[in-house]
Structures are given as structure tokens and as C-alpha cells.
């Protein structure tokens, strides 16, 4: 299996894992679940498949800056990233999702800076989930490719 495909499998393996602001895949021992924020899911999955350990050095802005740009939506591959900007700040990335094919994206979503516990996540339905469109959220700002070996 290619590193790219293994990355997509790792992301999908965390479906419904709770969202936690700043979560990088740490295991909650009480619930026996990992918790993620959007960039935490991406960096955890990349590390899981033998990529660099960016969990504590890369947030959404750094992923935007350091990954290769995908110039056209038609060139997206499964495992590429879709980034979204803050309202009123088109150069400030605030959210990232993983394209899994066919315009479908998966990622940790529904939370925010106030989602710090599993109870917060449950109340907000904040978790790793799927959306059927790259534009499920307004303000798409860019498409990026992680540095996969294969």
C-alpha cells in the first residue's frame, strides 16, 4: 500500500473520534478514544504512516505554507488537503480537511477553541466526520499536497 493510501486509511480509521481544541491524537484513557483538532488529525495520520512528526510544530497555517500547492481542483488526489480561511482574513488558514476522493472531505470538525473536553465535543457534535463537498464550508482558500514518498 502506498504511503498516500495508508494516510487516507489512517484518517478514515478515526471516524467519529471526538474533536478537542489542540488535540493531536492523544488517547483519552477514560473514554479510550483519541481526540483531534483539524490539523492534529492530519499530522497524527501522517506520522502514523511513517511521515514526519509534525504534531507539535504544524498547525493549519504551517500546513498551508509548507505543503505543495495543487493548482486545480481537477488535480486533487485522495490524501490532499483542503484549507479554509477565517472570515474577513483570506490569508489566514483556520481549518483543514482531507480529500478522500470524489470531492468528499473528512476531518475533525464542529468544534472550536471552546471545545476542550469530550463532553464539549458531544454537546457540539464535534468529531471526525465526512462532508460530500469541498465547499461544505465557506471560504475555501487552497489545496495542498503532503510530501508523500509513494
N, C-alpha and C. Protein backbone atom coordinates (compact mmCIF):
# COMPACT_ATOMS: atom_id res chain seq x y z
N UNK A 1 0.85 -1.17 0.00
CA UNK A 1 0.00 0.00 0.00
C UNK A 1 0.90 1.24 0.00
N UNK A 2 0.56 2.22 -0.81
CA UNK A 2 1.35 3.45 -0.86
C UNK A 2 1.18 4.24 0.43
N UNK A 3 2.13 5.12 0.69
CA UNK A 3 2.04 5.98 1.87
C UNK A 3 0.80 6.86 1.79
N UNK A 4 0.49 7.35 0.61
CA UNK A 4 -0.71 8.18 0.41
C UNK A 4 -1.97 7.40 0.79
N UNK A 5 -2.10 6.18 0.29
CA UNK A 5 -3.28 5.37 0.60
C UNK A 5 -3.35 5.02 2.08
N UNK A 6 -2.20 4.71 2.67
CA UNK A 6 -2.16 4.40 4.10
C UNK A 6 -2.59 5.63 4.92
N UNK A 7 -2.21 6.82 4.48
CA UNK A 7 -2.62 8.06 5.15
C UNK A 7 -4.15 8.19 5.14
N UNK A 8 -4.76 7.97 3.98
CA UNK A 8 -6.23 8.06 3.89
C UNK A 8 -6.88 7.02 4.81
N UNK A 9 -6.34 5.81 4.83
CA UNK A 9 -6.87 4.77 5.71
C UNK A 9 -6.74 5.20 7.17
N UNK A 10 -5.61 5.79 7.55
CA UNK A 10 -5.41 6.25 8.93
C UNK A 10 -6.43 7.32 9.29
N UNK A 11 -6.66 8.27 8.39
CA UNK A 11 -7.65 9.32 8.65
C UNK A 11 -9.04 8.69 8.83
N UNK A 12 -9.41 7.80 7.92
CA UNK A 12 -10.73 7.17 7.99
C UNK A 12 -10.89 6.28 9.22
N UNK A 13 -9.79 5.74 9.72
CA UNK A 13 -9.86 4.89 10.92
C UNK A 13 -10.30 5.67 12.15
N UNK A 14 -10.25 6.99 12.08
CA UNK A 14 -10.62 7.82 13.23
C UNK A 14 -12.02 8.44 13.10
N UNK A 15 -12.81 7.92 12.15
CA UNK A 15 -14.18 8.45 12.00
C UNK A 15 -14.88 8.45 13.36
N UNK A 16 -15.53 9.54 13.65
CA UNK A 16 -16.31 9.77 14.87
C UNK A 16 -15.46 9.98 16.11
N UNK A 17 -14.12 10.00 15.98
CA UNK A 17 -13.30 10.36 17.14
C UNK A 17 -13.66 11.79 17.53
N UNK A 18 -13.68 12.09 18.81
CA UNK A 18 -14.11 13.43 19.25
C UNK A 18 -13.12 14.53 18.87
N UNK A 19 -13.69 15.72 18.65
CA UNK A 19 -12.91 16.92 18.40
C UNK A 19 -12.48 17.49 19.76
N UNK A 20 -11.22 17.87 19.85
CA UNK A 20 -10.74 18.60 21.03
C UNK A 20 -9.77 19.67 20.53
N UNK A 21 -10.01 20.91 20.90
CA UNK A 21 -9.15 22.02 20.53
C UNK A 21 -7.72 21.68 20.94
N UNK A 22 -6.79 21.70 19.98
CA UNK A 22 -5.40 21.39 20.24
C UNK A 22 -5.10 19.90 20.28
N UNK A 23 -6.09 19.05 20.04
CA UNK A 23 -5.91 17.60 20.10
C UNK A 23 -5.03 17.09 18.97
N UNK A 24 -4.05 16.29 19.33
CA UNK A 24 -3.10 15.75 18.35
C UNK A 24 -3.12 14.22 18.34
N UNK A 25 -4.23 13.64 18.77
CA UNK A 25 -4.36 12.19 18.76
C UNK A 25 -4.05 11.52 20.08
N UNK A 26 -3.97 12.30 21.14
CA UNK A 26 -3.73 11.72 22.46
C UNK A 26 -4.93 10.84 22.83
N UNK A 27 -4.65 9.75 23.51
CA UNK A 27 -5.69 8.83 23.91
C UNK A 27 -6.31 9.29 25.22
N UNK A 28 -7.63 9.46 25.22
CA UNK A 28 -8.35 9.76 26.46
C UNK A 28 -8.54 8.42 27.17
N UNK A 29 -7.93 8.25 28.31
CA UNK A 29 -7.93 6.94 28.99
C UNK A 29 -9.30 6.56 29.53
N UNK A 30 -10.11 7.54 29.87
CA UNK A 30 -11.44 7.23 30.40
C UNK A 30 -12.33 6.70 29.28
N UNK A 31 -12.38 7.42 28.17
CA UNK A 31 -13.25 7.03 27.05
C UNK A 31 -12.57 6.06 26.10
N UNK A 32 -11.26 5.87 26.23
CA UNK A 32 -10.47 5.03 25.33
C UNK A 32 -10.65 5.46 23.86
N UNK A 33 -10.62 6.77 23.65
CA UNK A 33 -10.72 7.35 22.31
C UNK A 33 -9.64 8.39 22.13
N UNK A 34 -9.18 8.54 20.91
CA UNK A 34 -8.27 9.63 20.56
C UNK A 34 -9.10 10.88 20.31
N UNK A 35 -8.51 12.05 20.54
CA UNK A 35 -9.19 13.31 20.27
C UNK A 35 -8.29 14.17 19.38
N UNK A 36 -8.92 14.89 18.47
CA UNK A 36 -8.19 15.66 17.46
C UNK A 36 -8.82 17.02 17.23
N UNK A 37 -7.98 18.00 16.85
CA UNK A 37 -8.49 19.15 16.14
C UNK A 37 -8.15 18.90 14.67
N UNK A 38 -8.47 19.84 13.80
CA UNK A 38 -8.35 19.56 12.36
C UNK A 38 -6.91 19.29 11.93
N UNK A 39 -5.97 20.13 12.32
CA UNK A 39 -4.58 19.90 11.92
C UNK A 39 -3.97 18.75 12.71
N UNK A 40 -4.46 18.51 13.92
CA UNK A 40 -3.97 17.39 14.71
C UNK A 40 -4.26 16.05 14.05
N UNK A 41 -5.42 15.92 13.43
CA UNK A 41 -5.75 14.68 12.72
C UNK A 41 -4.81 14.47 11.55
N UNK A 42 -4.56 15.53 10.78
CA UNK A 42 -3.67 15.42 9.62
C UNK A 42 -2.26 15.04 10.06
N UNK A 43 -1.73 15.72 11.05
CA UNK A 43 -0.34 15.46 11.45
C UNK A 43 -0.20 14.12 12.15
N UNK A 44 -1.22 13.69 12.90
CA UNK A 44 -1.20 12.37 13.53
C UNK A 44 -1.17 11.28 12.45
N UNK A 45 -2.08 11.39 11.48
CA UNK A 45 -2.16 10.36 10.42
C UNK A 45 -0.88 10.32 9.60
N UNK A 46 -0.27 11.47 9.32
CA UNK A 46 0.98 11.50 8.57
C UNK A 46 2.08 10.76 9.34
N UNK A 47 2.17 11.01 10.62
CA UNK A 47 3.17 10.32 11.45
C UNK A 47 2.90 8.83 11.50
N UNK A 48 1.63 8.44 11.59
CA UNK A 48 1.27 7.03 11.67
C UNK A 48 1.73 6.23 10.45
N UNK A 49 1.86 6.90 9.30
CA UNK A 49 2.25 6.19 8.07
C UNK A 49 3.72 6.41 7.72
N UNK A 50 4.50 6.83 8.71
CA UNK A 50 5.95 6.97 8.51
C UNK A 50 6.40 8.32 8.00
N UNK A 51 5.51 9.30 8.00
CA UNK A 51 5.89 10.65 7.61
C UNK A 51 6.52 11.39 8.77
N UNK A 52 6.88 12.64 8.55
CA UNK A 52 7.50 13.43 9.63
C UNK A 52 6.53 13.65 10.79
N UNK A 53 7.08 13.80 11.98
CA UNK A 53 6.25 14.05 13.15
C UNK A 53 6.04 15.56 13.29
N UNK A 54 5.00 16.05 12.66
CA UNK A 54 4.67 17.48 12.68
C UNK A 54 3.64 17.82 13.74
N UNK A 55 3.28 16.87 14.61
CA UNK A 55 2.15 17.10 15.51
C UNK A 55 2.31 18.35 16.38
N UNK A 56 3.50 18.69 16.79
CA UNK A 56 3.65 19.82 17.70
C UNK A 56 4.32 21.02 17.05
N UNK A 57 4.57 20.94 15.74
CA UNK A 57 5.19 22.07 15.05
C UNK A 57 4.33 22.63 13.93
N UNK A 58 3.25 21.92 13.55
CA UNK A 58 2.46 22.36 12.41
C UNK A 58 0.99 22.54 12.79
N UNK A 59 0.51 23.73 12.53
CA UNK A 59 -0.92 23.99 12.62
C UNK A 59 -1.42 24.24 11.20
N UNK A 60 -2.64 24.67 11.05
CA UNK A 60 -3.21 24.84 9.72
C UNK A 60 -2.42 25.83 8.88
N UNK A 61 -1.97 26.93 9.45
CA UNK A 61 -1.18 27.91 8.70
C UNK A 61 0.12 27.31 8.18
N UNK A 62 0.79 26.50 9.00
CA UNK A 62 2.06 25.90 8.59
C UNK A 62 1.84 24.85 7.51
N UNK A 63 0.74 24.09 7.61
CA UNK A 63 0.44 23.12 6.55
C UNK A 63 0.24 23.85 5.22
N UNK A 64 -0.43 24.98 5.25
CA UNK A 64 -0.65 25.77 4.03
C UNK A 64 0.67 26.22 3.44
N UNK A 65 1.57 26.68 4.29
CA UNK A 65 2.82 27.25 3.82
C UNK A 65 3.83 26.20 3.36
N UNK A 66 3.85 25.03 3.98
CA UNK A 66 4.92 24.08 3.71
C UNK A 66 4.57 22.93 2.79
N UNK A 67 3.32 22.75 2.46
CA UNK A 67 2.93 21.67 1.56
C UNK A 67 2.81 22.21 0.14
N UNK A 68 2.95 21.33 -0.82
CA UNK A 68 2.90 21.73 -2.22
C UNK A 68 1.49 22.16 -2.62
N UNK A 69 1.40 23.22 -3.38
CA UNK A 69 0.10 23.69 -3.86
C UNK A 69 -0.41 22.76 -4.95
N UNK A 70 -1.70 22.50 -4.94
CA UNK A 70 -2.37 21.78 -6.02
C UNK A 70 -3.10 22.85 -6.81
N UNK A 71 -2.68 23.11 -8.06
CA UNK A 71 -3.21 24.27 -8.77
C UNK A 71 -4.68 24.20 -9.14
N UNK A 72 -5.19 23.02 -9.43
CA UNK A 72 -6.58 22.92 -9.89
C UNK A 72 -7.32 21.84 -9.12
N UNK A 73 -8.58 22.10 -8.87
CA UNK A 73 -9.42 21.12 -8.18
C UNK A 73 -9.42 19.78 -8.90
N UNK A 74 -9.36 19.80 -10.22
CA UNK A 74 -9.36 18.56 -11.01
C UNK A 74 -8.12 17.71 -10.76
N UNK A 75 -7.07 18.28 -10.20
CA UNK A 75 -5.83 17.56 -9.94
C UNK A 75 -5.75 16.98 -8.53
N UNK A 76 -6.80 17.19 -7.73
CA UNK A 76 -6.81 16.65 -6.37
C UNK A 76 -6.74 15.14 -6.37
N UNK A 77 -5.96 14.61 -5.45
CA UNK A 77 -5.86 13.16 -5.25
C UNK A 77 -6.34 12.84 -3.84
N UNK A 78 -6.79 11.61 -3.61
CA UNK A 78 -7.09 11.24 -2.22
C UNK A 78 -5.85 11.46 -1.35
N UNK A 79 -6.06 12.08 -0.20
CA UNK A 79 -4.96 12.41 0.71
C UNK A 79 -4.50 13.85 0.61
N UNK A 80 -4.96 14.58 -0.41
CA UNK A 80 -4.63 16.01 -0.49
C UNK A 80 -5.46 16.79 0.52
N UNK A 81 -4.99 17.96 0.86
CA UNK A 81 -5.63 18.79 1.89
C UNK A 81 -6.43 19.93 1.28
N UNK A 82 -7.54 20.26 1.92
CA UNK A 82 -8.36 21.40 1.54
C UNK A 82 -8.35 22.34 2.73
N UNK A 83 -7.92 23.59 2.49
CA UNK A 83 -7.80 24.57 3.58
C UNK A 83 -8.83 25.67 3.43
N UNK A 84 -9.25 26.19 4.57
CA UNK A 84 -10.28 27.23 4.64
C UNK A 84 -9.75 28.38 5.48
N UNK A 85 -10.15 29.62 5.13
CA UNK A 85 -9.63 30.78 5.86
C UNK A 85 -10.67 31.36 6.81
N UNK A 86 -10.17 32.21 7.68
CA UNK A 86 -11.04 32.91 8.63
C UNK A 86 -11.89 33.96 7.91
N UNK A 87 -13.06 34.19 8.42
CA UNK A 87 -13.93 35.22 7.87
C UNK A 87 -13.22 36.57 7.93
N UNK A 88 -13.15 37.24 6.79
CA UNK A 88 -12.52 38.55 6.74
C UNK A 88 -11.00 38.51 6.69
N UNK A 89 -10.42 37.32 6.66
CA UNK A 89 -8.96 37.21 6.65
C UNK A 89 -8.55 36.13 5.64
N UNK A 90 -8.62 36.44 4.35
CA UNK A 90 -8.40 35.42 3.32
C UNK A 90 -7.00 34.81 3.28
N UNK A 91 -6.05 35.37 4.02
CA UNK A 91 -4.70 34.81 4.04
C UNK A 91 -4.41 34.06 5.34
N UNK A 92 -5.42 33.89 6.19
CA UNK A 92 -5.24 33.26 7.50
C UNK A 92 -5.99 31.93 7.53
N UNK A 93 -5.26 30.82 7.33
CA UNK A 93 -5.87 29.50 7.34
C UNK A 93 -6.34 29.16 8.75
N UNK A 94 -7.58 28.67 8.84
CA UNK A 94 -8.10 28.30 10.15
C UNK A 94 -8.60 26.86 10.22
N UNK A 95 -8.73 26.19 9.07
CA UNK A 95 -9.32 24.86 9.10
C UNK A 95 -8.77 24.03 7.94
N UNK A 96 -8.61 22.73 8.17
CA UNK A 96 -8.10 21.83 7.13
C UNK A 96 -8.91 20.54 7.15
N UNK A 97 -9.18 20.02 5.96
CA UNK A 97 -9.86 18.74 5.77
C UNK A 97 -9.03 17.90 4.80
N UNK A 98 -9.27 16.59 4.79
CA UNK A 98 -8.56 15.68 3.90
C UNK A 98 -9.52 15.23 2.80
N UNK A 99 -9.09 15.42 1.55
CA UNK A 99 -9.89 14.95 0.42
C UNK A 99 -9.70 13.43 0.34
N UNK A 100 -10.80 12.68 0.27
CA UNK A 100 -10.70 11.22 0.20
C UNK A 100 -11.14 10.68 -1.16
N UNK A 101 -11.48 11.60 -2.08
CA UNK A 101 -11.88 11.21 -3.43
C UNK A 101 -13.28 11.69 -3.75
N UNK A 102 -13.52 11.94 -5.03
CA UNK A 102 -14.85 12.33 -5.48
C UNK A 102 -15.39 13.61 -4.89
N UNK A 103 -14.52 14.50 -4.46
CA UNK A 103 -14.97 15.75 -3.86
C UNK A 103 -15.39 15.63 -2.41
N UNK A 104 -15.23 14.45 -1.81
CA UNK A 104 -15.61 14.20 -0.42
C UNK A 104 -14.42 14.54 0.48
N UNK A 105 -14.69 15.22 1.59
CA UNK A 105 -13.65 15.56 2.57
C UNK A 105 -13.99 14.96 3.93
N UNK A 106 -12.93 14.64 4.68
CA UNK A 106 -13.06 14.09 6.03
C UNK A 106 -12.12 14.86 6.93
N UNK A 107 -12.58 15.14 8.14
CA UNK A 107 -11.71 15.81 9.09
C UNK A 107 -12.40 16.06 10.41
N UNK A 108 -11.62 16.56 11.36
CA UNK A 108 -12.15 16.92 12.67
C UNK A 108 -12.85 18.26 12.52
N UNK A 109 -14.14 18.27 12.81
CA UNK A 109 -14.94 19.46 12.53
C UNK A 109 -16.06 19.60 13.55
N UNK A 110 -16.55 20.83 13.66
CA UNK A 110 -17.69 21.11 14.52
C UNK A 110 -17.32 21.68 15.87
N UNK A 111 -16.05 21.76 16.13
CA UNK A 111 -15.60 22.30 17.41
C UNK A 111 -14.99 23.67 17.23
N UNK A 112 -14.27 24.09 18.18
CA UNK A 112 -13.59 25.38 18.16
C UNK A 112 -12.80 25.52 19.43
N UNK A 113 -12.37 26.72 19.71
CA UNK A 113 -11.49 26.94 20.85
C UNK A 113 -12.15 26.65 22.19
N UNK A 114 -13.48 26.55 22.22
CA UNK A 114 -14.16 26.25 23.49
C UNK A 114 -14.41 24.74 23.66
N UNK A 115 -14.04 23.95 22.65
CA UNK A 115 -14.26 22.50 22.72
C UNK A 115 -13.00 21.86 23.30
N UNK A 116 -13.01 21.70 24.63
CA UNK A 116 -11.81 21.24 25.32
C UNK A 116 -11.99 19.89 26.01
N UNK A 117 -13.23 19.42 26.14
CA UNK A 117 -13.49 18.15 26.81
C UNK A 117 -14.34 17.26 25.90
N UNK A 118 -14.41 15.98 26.23
CA UNK A 118 -15.26 15.08 25.46
C UNK A 118 -16.73 15.48 25.60
N UNK A 119 -17.11 16.02 26.75
CA UNK A 119 -18.49 16.48 26.94
C UNK A 119 -18.78 17.67 26.01
N UNK A 120 -17.81 18.58 25.89
CA UNK A 120 -17.97 19.71 24.95
C UNK A 120 -18.17 19.20 23.53
N UNK A 121 -17.36 18.21 23.15
CA UNK A 121 -17.44 17.66 21.80
C UNK A 121 -18.79 17.00 21.56
N UNK A 122 -19.27 16.24 22.52
CA UNK A 122 -20.55 15.55 22.37
C UNK A 122 -21.69 16.56 22.24
N UNK A 123 -21.64 17.60 23.04
CA UNK A 123 -22.69 18.63 23.01
C UNK A 123 -22.73 19.34 21.65
N UNK A 124 -21.57 19.56 21.03
CA UNK A 124 -21.48 20.28 19.76
C UNK A 124 -21.47 19.35 18.54
N UNK A 125 -21.59 18.03 18.75
CA UNK A 125 -21.43 17.05 17.67
C UNK A 125 -20.13 17.31 16.93
N UNK A 126 -19.09 17.56 17.68
CA UNK A 126 -17.76 17.87 17.13
C UNK A 126 -16.93 16.60 17.12
N UNK A 127 -16.58 16.15 15.91
CA UNK A 127 -15.86 14.89 15.78
C UNK A 127 -15.25 14.80 14.38
N UNK A 128 -14.56 13.70 14.13
CA UNK A 128 -14.07 13.42 12.78
C UNK A 128 -15.28 12.94 11.98
N UNK A 129 -15.57 13.66 10.90
CA UNK A 129 -16.75 13.34 10.11
C UNK A 129 -16.52 13.61 8.64
N UNK A 130 -17.48 13.21 7.84
CA UNK A 130 -17.39 13.31 6.38
C UNK A 130 -18.37 14.35 5.86
N UNK A 131 -17.94 15.05 4.80
CA UNK A 131 -18.80 16.01 4.10
C UNK A 131 -18.68 15.73 2.61
N UNK A 132 -19.78 15.82 1.90
CA UNK A 132 -19.85 15.45 0.49
C UNK A 132 -19.41 16.50 -0.49
N UNK A 133 -18.80 17.58 -0.02
CA UNK A 133 -18.38 18.65 -0.93
C UNK A 133 -17.14 19.34 -0.38
N UNK A 134 -16.24 19.72 -1.28
CA UNK A 134 -15.08 20.52 -0.87
C UNK A 134 -15.52 21.84 -0.26
N UNK A 135 -16.67 22.33 -0.70
CA UNK A 135 -17.18 23.61 -0.23
C UNK A 135 -18.27 23.45 0.82
N UNK A 136 -18.18 22.39 1.64
CA UNK A 136 -19.15 22.21 2.72
C UNK A 136 -19.10 23.41 3.67
N UNK A 137 -18.01 24.08 3.65
CA UNK A 137 -17.77 25.24 4.50
C UNK A 137 -17.37 26.39 3.59
N UNK A 138 -17.81 27.58 3.92
CA UNK A 138 -17.46 28.76 3.12
C UNK A 138 -15.96 29.07 3.26
N UNK A 139 -15.46 29.84 2.35
CA UNK A 139 -14.12 30.41 2.41
C UNK A 139 -13.00 29.40 2.16
N UNK A 140 -13.17 28.56 1.15
CA UNK A 140 -12.08 27.67 0.77
C UNK A 140 -10.94 28.53 0.25
N UNK A 141 -9.72 28.26 0.71
CA UNK A 141 -8.59 29.11 0.32
C UNK A 141 -7.50 28.41 -0.45
N UNK A 142 -7.41 27.10 -0.38
CA UNK A 142 -6.33 26.46 -1.10
C UNK A 142 -6.36 24.96 -0.99
N UNK A 143 -5.62 24.34 -1.90
CA UNK A 143 -5.48 22.90 -1.95
C UNK A 143 -3.99 22.58 -1.82
N UNK A 144 -3.65 21.61 -0.99
CA UNK A 144 -2.25 21.30 -0.73
C UNK A 144 -1.99 19.81 -0.77
N UNK A 145 -0.75 19.46 -1.08
CA UNK A 145 -0.33 18.06 -1.15
C UNK A 145 0.77 17.82 -0.13
N UNK A 146 0.58 16.81 0.71
CA UNK A 146 1.59 16.41 1.69
C UNK A 146 2.77 15.76 0.98
N UNK A 147 3.94 15.75 1.61
CA UNK A 147 5.14 15.19 0.97
C UNK A 147 5.21 13.66 1.08
N UNK A 148 4.32 12.98 0.40
CA UNK A 148 4.33 11.51 0.44
C UNK A 148 5.49 10.97 -0.37
N UNK A 149 6.05 9.85 0.10
CA UNK A 149 7.11 9.17 -0.64
C UNK A 149 6.51 8.35 -1.78
N UNK A 150 5.31 7.84 -1.58
CA UNK A 150 4.67 7.00 -2.61
C UNK A 150 3.17 7.15 -2.55
